[in-house]
Amino acid sequence: MNTLFWMGWYLVLGATLVAFYFFFAGLADGSVSQSNMGIWMWLVLGLPALLGITWWLKGQDRIKTALGLLSIPSLLVIAYLIFIAAVLFGNNKWN
């Protein structure tokens, strides 16, 4: 159970780092504007909060609750990675 927690936690950490990269790159090129700042704030503040809350829950010996919170974003990251692998390694013609 502990290994499953850390796998999910690191997947969400990777997604958080990617979100931060695209946020700061968008600030630099102007694609993050006031019209979409609310969505970005949910990502930039929500993902680290999720990591902190699940870390705290693990420290309180509530690993099942922490796994429940981590399961949805972890499954989304896994689905995205499978999609990227299919695009990169599949012999698909997109035209």
N, C-alpha and C. Protein backbone atom coordinates (compact mmCIF):
# COMPACT_ATOMS: atom_id res chain seq x y z
N MET A 1 0.82 -1.18 0.00
CA MET A 1 0.00 0.00 0.00
C MET A 1 0.87 1.26 0.00
N ASN A 2 1.98 1.17 0.71
CA ASN A 2 2.89 2.30 0.79
C ASN A 2 3.53 2.60 -0.57
N THR A 3 3.89 1.54 -1.30
CA THR A 3 4.50 1.71 -2.62
C THR A 3 3.50 2.31 -3.60
N LEU A 4 2.26 1.88 -3.51
CA LEU A 4 1.22 2.42 -4.38
C LEU A 4 1.01 3.91 -4.12
N PHE A 5 1.08 4.30 -2.84
CA PHE A 5 0.97 5.72 -2.49
C PHE A 5 2.08 6.52 -3.14
N TRP A 6 3.31 6.04 -3.01
CA TRP A 6 4.44 6.81 -3.55
C TRP A 6 4.42 6.85 -5.07
N MET A 7 3.96 5.79 -5.72
CA MET A 7 3.85 5.82 -7.18
C MET A 7 2.84 6.89 -7.61
N GLY A 8 1.70 6.91 -6.98
CA GLY A 8 0.69 7.93 -7.29
C GLY A 8 1.17 9.32 -6.96
N TRP A 9 1.86 9.45 -5.83
CA TRP A 9 2.34 10.76 -5.41
C TRP A 9 3.35 11.32 -6.41
N TYR A 10 4.26 10.47 -6.88
CA TYR A 10 5.26 10.94 -7.84
C TYR A 10 4.65 11.22 -9.21
N LEU A 11 3.61 10.48 -9.59
CA LEU A 11 2.92 10.80 -10.84
C LEU A 11 2.27 12.18 -10.77
N VAL A 12 1.62 12.48 -9.66
CA VAL A 12 1.00 13.79 -9.49
C VAL A 12 2.07 14.87 -9.36
N LEU A 13 3.19 14.56 -8.73
CA LEU A 13 4.29 15.52 -8.66
C LEU A 13 4.80 15.86 -10.06
N GLY A 14 4.94 14.85 -10.91
CA GLY A 14 5.35 15.11 -12.29
C GLY A 14 4.35 15.98 -13.03
N ALA A 15 3.06 15.71 -12.84
CA ALA A 15 2.03 16.54 -13.48
C ALA A 15 2.08 17.97 -12.94
N THR A 16 2.38 18.12 -11.66
CA THR A 16 2.48 19.45 -11.06
C THR A 16 3.65 20.22 -11.67
N LEU A 17 4.78 19.55 -11.83
CA LEU A 17 5.94 20.22 -12.41
C LEU A 17 5.69 20.61 -13.87
N VAL A 18 5.00 19.76 -14.62
CA VAL A 18 4.65 20.09 -16.01
C VAL A 18 3.70 21.28 -16.04
N ALA A 19 2.72 21.30 -15.13
CA ALA A 19 1.78 22.43 -15.07
C ALA A 19 2.51 23.73 -14.74
N PHE A 20 3.47 23.67 -13.80
CA PHE A 20 4.24 24.86 -13.48
C PHE A 20 5.06 25.33 -14.68
N TYR A 21 5.66 24.41 -15.41
CA TYR A 21 6.44 24.78 -16.59
C TYR A 21 5.57 25.51 -17.61
N PHE A 22 4.41 24.92 -17.93
CA PHE A 22 3.55 25.54 -18.92
C PHE A 22 2.96 26.85 -18.42
N PHE A 23 2.73 26.97 -17.11
CA PHE A 23 2.24 28.23 -16.56
C PHE A 23 3.26 29.34 -16.74
N PHE A 24 4.50 29.08 -16.36
CA PHE A 24 5.52 30.12 -16.47
C PHE A 24 5.90 30.40 -17.92
N ALA A 25 5.88 29.38 -18.76
CA ALA A 25 6.11 29.61 -20.19
C ALA A 25 4.97 30.44 -20.78
N GLY A 26 3.75 30.18 -20.35
CA GLY A 26 2.61 30.97 -20.82
C GLY A 26 2.65 32.39 -20.32
N LEU A 27 3.15 32.60 -19.12
CA LEU A 27 3.31 33.97 -18.64
C LEU A 27 4.35 34.72 -19.48
N ALA A 28 5.39 34.01 -19.86
CA ALA A 28 6.46 34.65 -20.63
C ALA A 28 6.01 35.01 -22.04
N ASP A 29 5.20 34.16 -22.68
CA ASP A 29 4.80 34.46 -24.06
C ASP A 29 3.43 35.11 -24.16
N GLY A 30 2.76 35.31 -23.05
CA GLY A 30 1.49 36.02 -23.06
C GLY A 30 0.27 35.16 -23.29
N SER A 31 0.41 33.86 -23.40
CA SER A 31 -0.76 33.01 -23.62
C SER A 31 -1.55 32.78 -22.34
N VAL A 32 -0.95 33.00 -21.18
CA VAL A 32 -1.68 33.00 -19.92
C VAL A 32 -2.10 34.44 -19.68
N SER A 33 -3.40 34.69 -19.82
CA SER A 33 -3.90 36.05 -19.70
C SER A 33 -4.95 36.10 -18.60
N GLN A 34 -5.54 37.25 -18.43
CA GLN A 34 -6.53 37.41 -17.38
C GLN A 34 -7.78 36.59 -17.65
N SER A 35 -8.06 36.33 -18.92
CA SER A 35 -9.27 35.57 -19.24
C SER A 35 -9.18 34.10 -18.85
N ASN A 36 -8.00 33.53 -18.82
CA ASN A 36 -7.85 32.13 -18.41
C ASN A 36 -7.03 31.96 -17.13
N MET A 37 -6.84 33.03 -16.40
CA MET A 37 -6.04 32.96 -15.18
C MET A 37 -6.72 32.12 -14.10
N GLY A 38 -8.04 32.09 -14.06
CA GLY A 38 -8.74 31.29 -13.05
C GLY A 38 -8.45 29.81 -13.19
N ILE A 39 -8.45 29.33 -14.42
CA ILE A 39 -8.14 27.92 -14.66
C ILE A 39 -6.71 27.62 -14.24
N TRP A 40 -5.80 28.50 -14.58
CA TRP A 40 -4.40 28.29 -14.22
C TRP A 40 -4.20 28.33 -12.70
N MET A 41 -4.93 29.19 -12.02
CA MET A 41 -4.77 29.26 -10.57
C MET A 41 -5.26 27.98 -9.91
N TRP A 42 -6.33 27.37 -10.44
CA TRP A 42 -6.78 26.08 -9.91
C TRP A 42 -5.68 25.03 -10.06
N LEU A 43 -5.01 25.03 -11.21
CA LEU A 43 -3.94 24.06 -11.43
C LEU A 43 -2.72 24.35 -10.56
N VAL A 44 -2.28 25.61 -10.57
CA VAL A 44 -1.03 25.97 -9.90
C VAL A 44 -1.17 25.89 -8.38
N LEU A 45 -2.36 26.16 -7.86
CA LEU A 45 -2.56 26.08 -6.42
C LEU A 45 -3.14 24.74 -5.97
N GLY A 46 -3.96 24.12 -6.83
CA GLY A 46 -4.64 22.89 -6.45
C GLY A 46 -3.76 21.66 -6.41
N LEU A 47 -2.90 21.52 -7.40
CA LEU A 47 -2.04 20.32 -7.43
C LEU A 47 -1.04 20.29 -6.28
N PRO A 48 -0.33 21.39 -5.96
CA PRO A 48 0.54 21.33 -4.78
C PRO A 48 -0.25 21.14 -3.47
N ALA A 49 -1.46 21.71 -3.41
CA ALA A 49 -2.29 21.50 -2.22
C ALA A 49 -2.66 20.03 -2.09
N LEU A 50 -2.98 19.39 -3.20
CA LEU A 50 -3.29 17.96 -3.18
C LEU A 50 -2.09 17.15 -2.69
N LEU A 51 -0.91 17.50 -3.17
CA LEU A 51 0.29 16.79 -2.72
C LEU A 51 0.52 16.99 -1.22
N GLY A 52 0.33 18.21 -0.76
CA GLY A 52 0.52 18.49 0.67
C GLY A 52 -0.50 17.78 1.54
N ILE A 53 -1.75 17.79 1.11
CA ILE A 53 -2.81 17.14 1.89
C ILE A 53 -2.58 15.63 1.96
N THR A 54 -2.19 15.03 0.84
CA THR A 54 -1.97 13.58 0.85
C THR A 54 -0.73 13.22 1.66
N TRP A 55 0.29 14.07 1.63
CA TRP A 55 1.47 13.84 2.47
C TRP A 55 1.08 13.88 3.94
N TRP A 56 0.25 14.87 4.30
CA TRP A 56 -0.20 15.00 5.68
C TRP A 56 -1.04 13.79 6.08
N LEU A 57 -1.95 13.36 5.20
CA LEU A 57 -2.79 12.20 5.50
C LEU A 57 -1.96 10.94 5.69
N LYS A 58 -0.91 10.79 4.90
CA LYS A 58 -0.03 9.63 5.07
C LYS A 58 0.67 9.69 6.43
N GLY A 59 1.06 10.88 6.84
CA GLY A 59 1.68 11.05 8.15
C GLY A 59 0.72 10.75 9.30
N GLN A 60 -0.57 10.90 9.05
CA GLN A 60 -1.59 10.60 10.06
C GLN A 60 -2.09 9.15 9.96
N ASP A 61 -1.41 8.32 9.20
CA ASP A 61 -1.75 6.91 8.98
C ASP A 61 -3.13 6.73 8.35
N ARG A 62 -3.46 7.61 7.45
CA ARG A 62 -4.70 7.51 6.67
C ARG A 62 -4.33 7.32 5.20
N ILE A 63 -3.64 6.23 4.94
CA ILE A 63 -3.10 5.98 3.61
C ILE A 63 -4.22 5.70 2.61
N LYS A 64 -5.28 5.03 3.03
CA LYS A 64 -6.38 4.74 2.10
C LYS A 64 -7.07 6.02 1.65
N THR A 65 -7.24 6.96 2.55
CA THR A 65 -7.83 8.25 2.17
C THR A 65 -6.91 9.00 1.23
N ALA A 66 -5.62 8.98 1.52
CA ALA A 66 -4.66 9.64 0.64
C ALA A 66 -4.64 8.99 -0.74
N LEU A 67 -4.71 7.68 -0.78
CA LEU A 67 -4.76 6.98 -2.06
C LEU A 67 -6.03 7.31 -2.83
N GLY A 68 -7.12 7.46 -2.13
CA GLY A 68 -8.36 7.85 -2.78
C GLY A 68 -8.27 9.22 -3.42
N LEU A 69 -7.61 10.15 -2.73
CA LEU A 69 -7.43 11.49 -3.29
C LEU A 69 -6.46 11.49 -4.47
N LEU A 70 -5.45 10.65 -4.40
CA LEU A 70 -4.45 10.61 -5.47
C LEU A 70 -4.88 9.78 -6.67
N SER A 71 -5.90 8.97 -6.51
CA SER A 71 -6.24 8.02 -7.57
C SER A 71 -6.72 8.70 -8.84
N ILE A 72 -7.57 9.71 -8.74
CA ILE A 72 -8.11 10.34 -9.95
C ILE A 72 -7.04 11.04 -10.76
N PRO A 73 -6.24 11.93 -10.17
CA PRO A 73 -5.21 12.56 -11.00
C PRO A 73 -4.15 11.57 -11.49
N SER A 74 -3.86 10.55 -10.69
CA SER A 74 -2.88 9.54 -11.12
C SER A 74 -3.38 8.77 -12.33
N LEU A 75 -4.66 8.39 -12.31
CA LEU A 75 -5.22 7.66 -13.45
C LEU A 75 -5.27 8.53 -14.70
N LEU A 76 -5.53 9.82 -14.52
CA LEU A 76 -5.52 10.73 -15.66
C LEU A 76 -4.12 10.86 -16.26
N VAL A 77 -3.11 10.92 -15.40
CA VAL A 77 -1.73 11.00 -15.89
C VAL A 77 -1.35 9.72 -16.62
N ILE A 78 -1.73 8.57 -16.08
CA ILE A 78 -1.43 7.30 -16.74
C ILE A 78 -2.12 7.22 -18.09
N ALA A 79 -3.39 7.65 -18.17
CA ALA A 79 -4.11 7.63 -19.44
C ALA A 79 -3.44 8.54 -20.46
N TYR A 80 -2.98 9.70 -20.02
CA TYR A 80 -2.29 10.62 -20.93
C TYR A 80 -0.97 10.02 -21.41
N LEU A 81 -0.23 9.38 -20.52
CA LEU A 81 1.04 8.77 -20.92
C LEU A 81 0.82 7.63 -21.92
N ILE A 82 -0.25 6.87 -21.74
CA ILE A 82 -0.58 5.81 -22.70
C ILE A 82 -0.92 6.43 -24.05
N PHE A 83 -1.67 7.52 -24.06
CA PHE A 83 -2.01 8.19 -25.30
C PHE A 83 -0.76 8.70 -26.01
N ILE A 84 0.14 9.33 -25.28
CA ILE A 84 1.38 9.84 -25.88
C ILE A 84 2.22 8.69 -26.43
N ALA A 85 2.29 7.57 -25.72
CA ALA A 85 3.04 6.41 -26.21
C ALA A 85 2.41 5.86 -27.48
N ALA A 86 1.09 5.84 -27.55
CA ALA A 86 0.41 5.35 -28.76
C ALA A 86 0.67 6.27 -29.94
N VAL A 87 0.72 7.56 -29.70
CA VAL A 87 0.99 8.51 -30.78
C VAL A 87 2.43 8.39 -31.25
N LEU A 88 3.36 8.26 -30.32
CA LEU A 88 4.78 8.23 -30.68
C LEU A 88 5.19 6.91 -31.31
N PHE A 89 4.68 5.80 -30.79
CA PHE A 89 5.17 4.51 -31.23
C PHE A 89 4.22 3.77 -32.17
N GLY A 90 3.05 4.29 -32.37
CA GLY A 90 2.11 3.66 -33.29
C GLY A 90 2.42 4.06 -34.72
N ASN A 91 2.09 3.20 -35.65
CA ASN A 91 2.29 3.52 -37.07
C ASN A 91 1.01 4.08 -37.65
N ASN A 92 0.61 5.23 -37.14
CA ASN A 92 -0.62 5.87 -37.56
C ASN A 92 -0.33 6.97 -38.56
N LYS A 93 -1.22 7.11 -39.52
CA LYS A 93 -1.17 8.24 -40.43
C LYS A 93 -2.26 9.21 -40.00
N TRP A 94 -1.88 10.43 -39.76
CA TRP A 94 -2.81 11.41 -39.22
C TRP A 94 -3.38 12.30 -40.31
N ASN A 95 -3.08 12.03 -41.58
CA ASN A 95 -3.62 12.88 -42.63
C ASN A 95 -4.81 12.26 -43.31
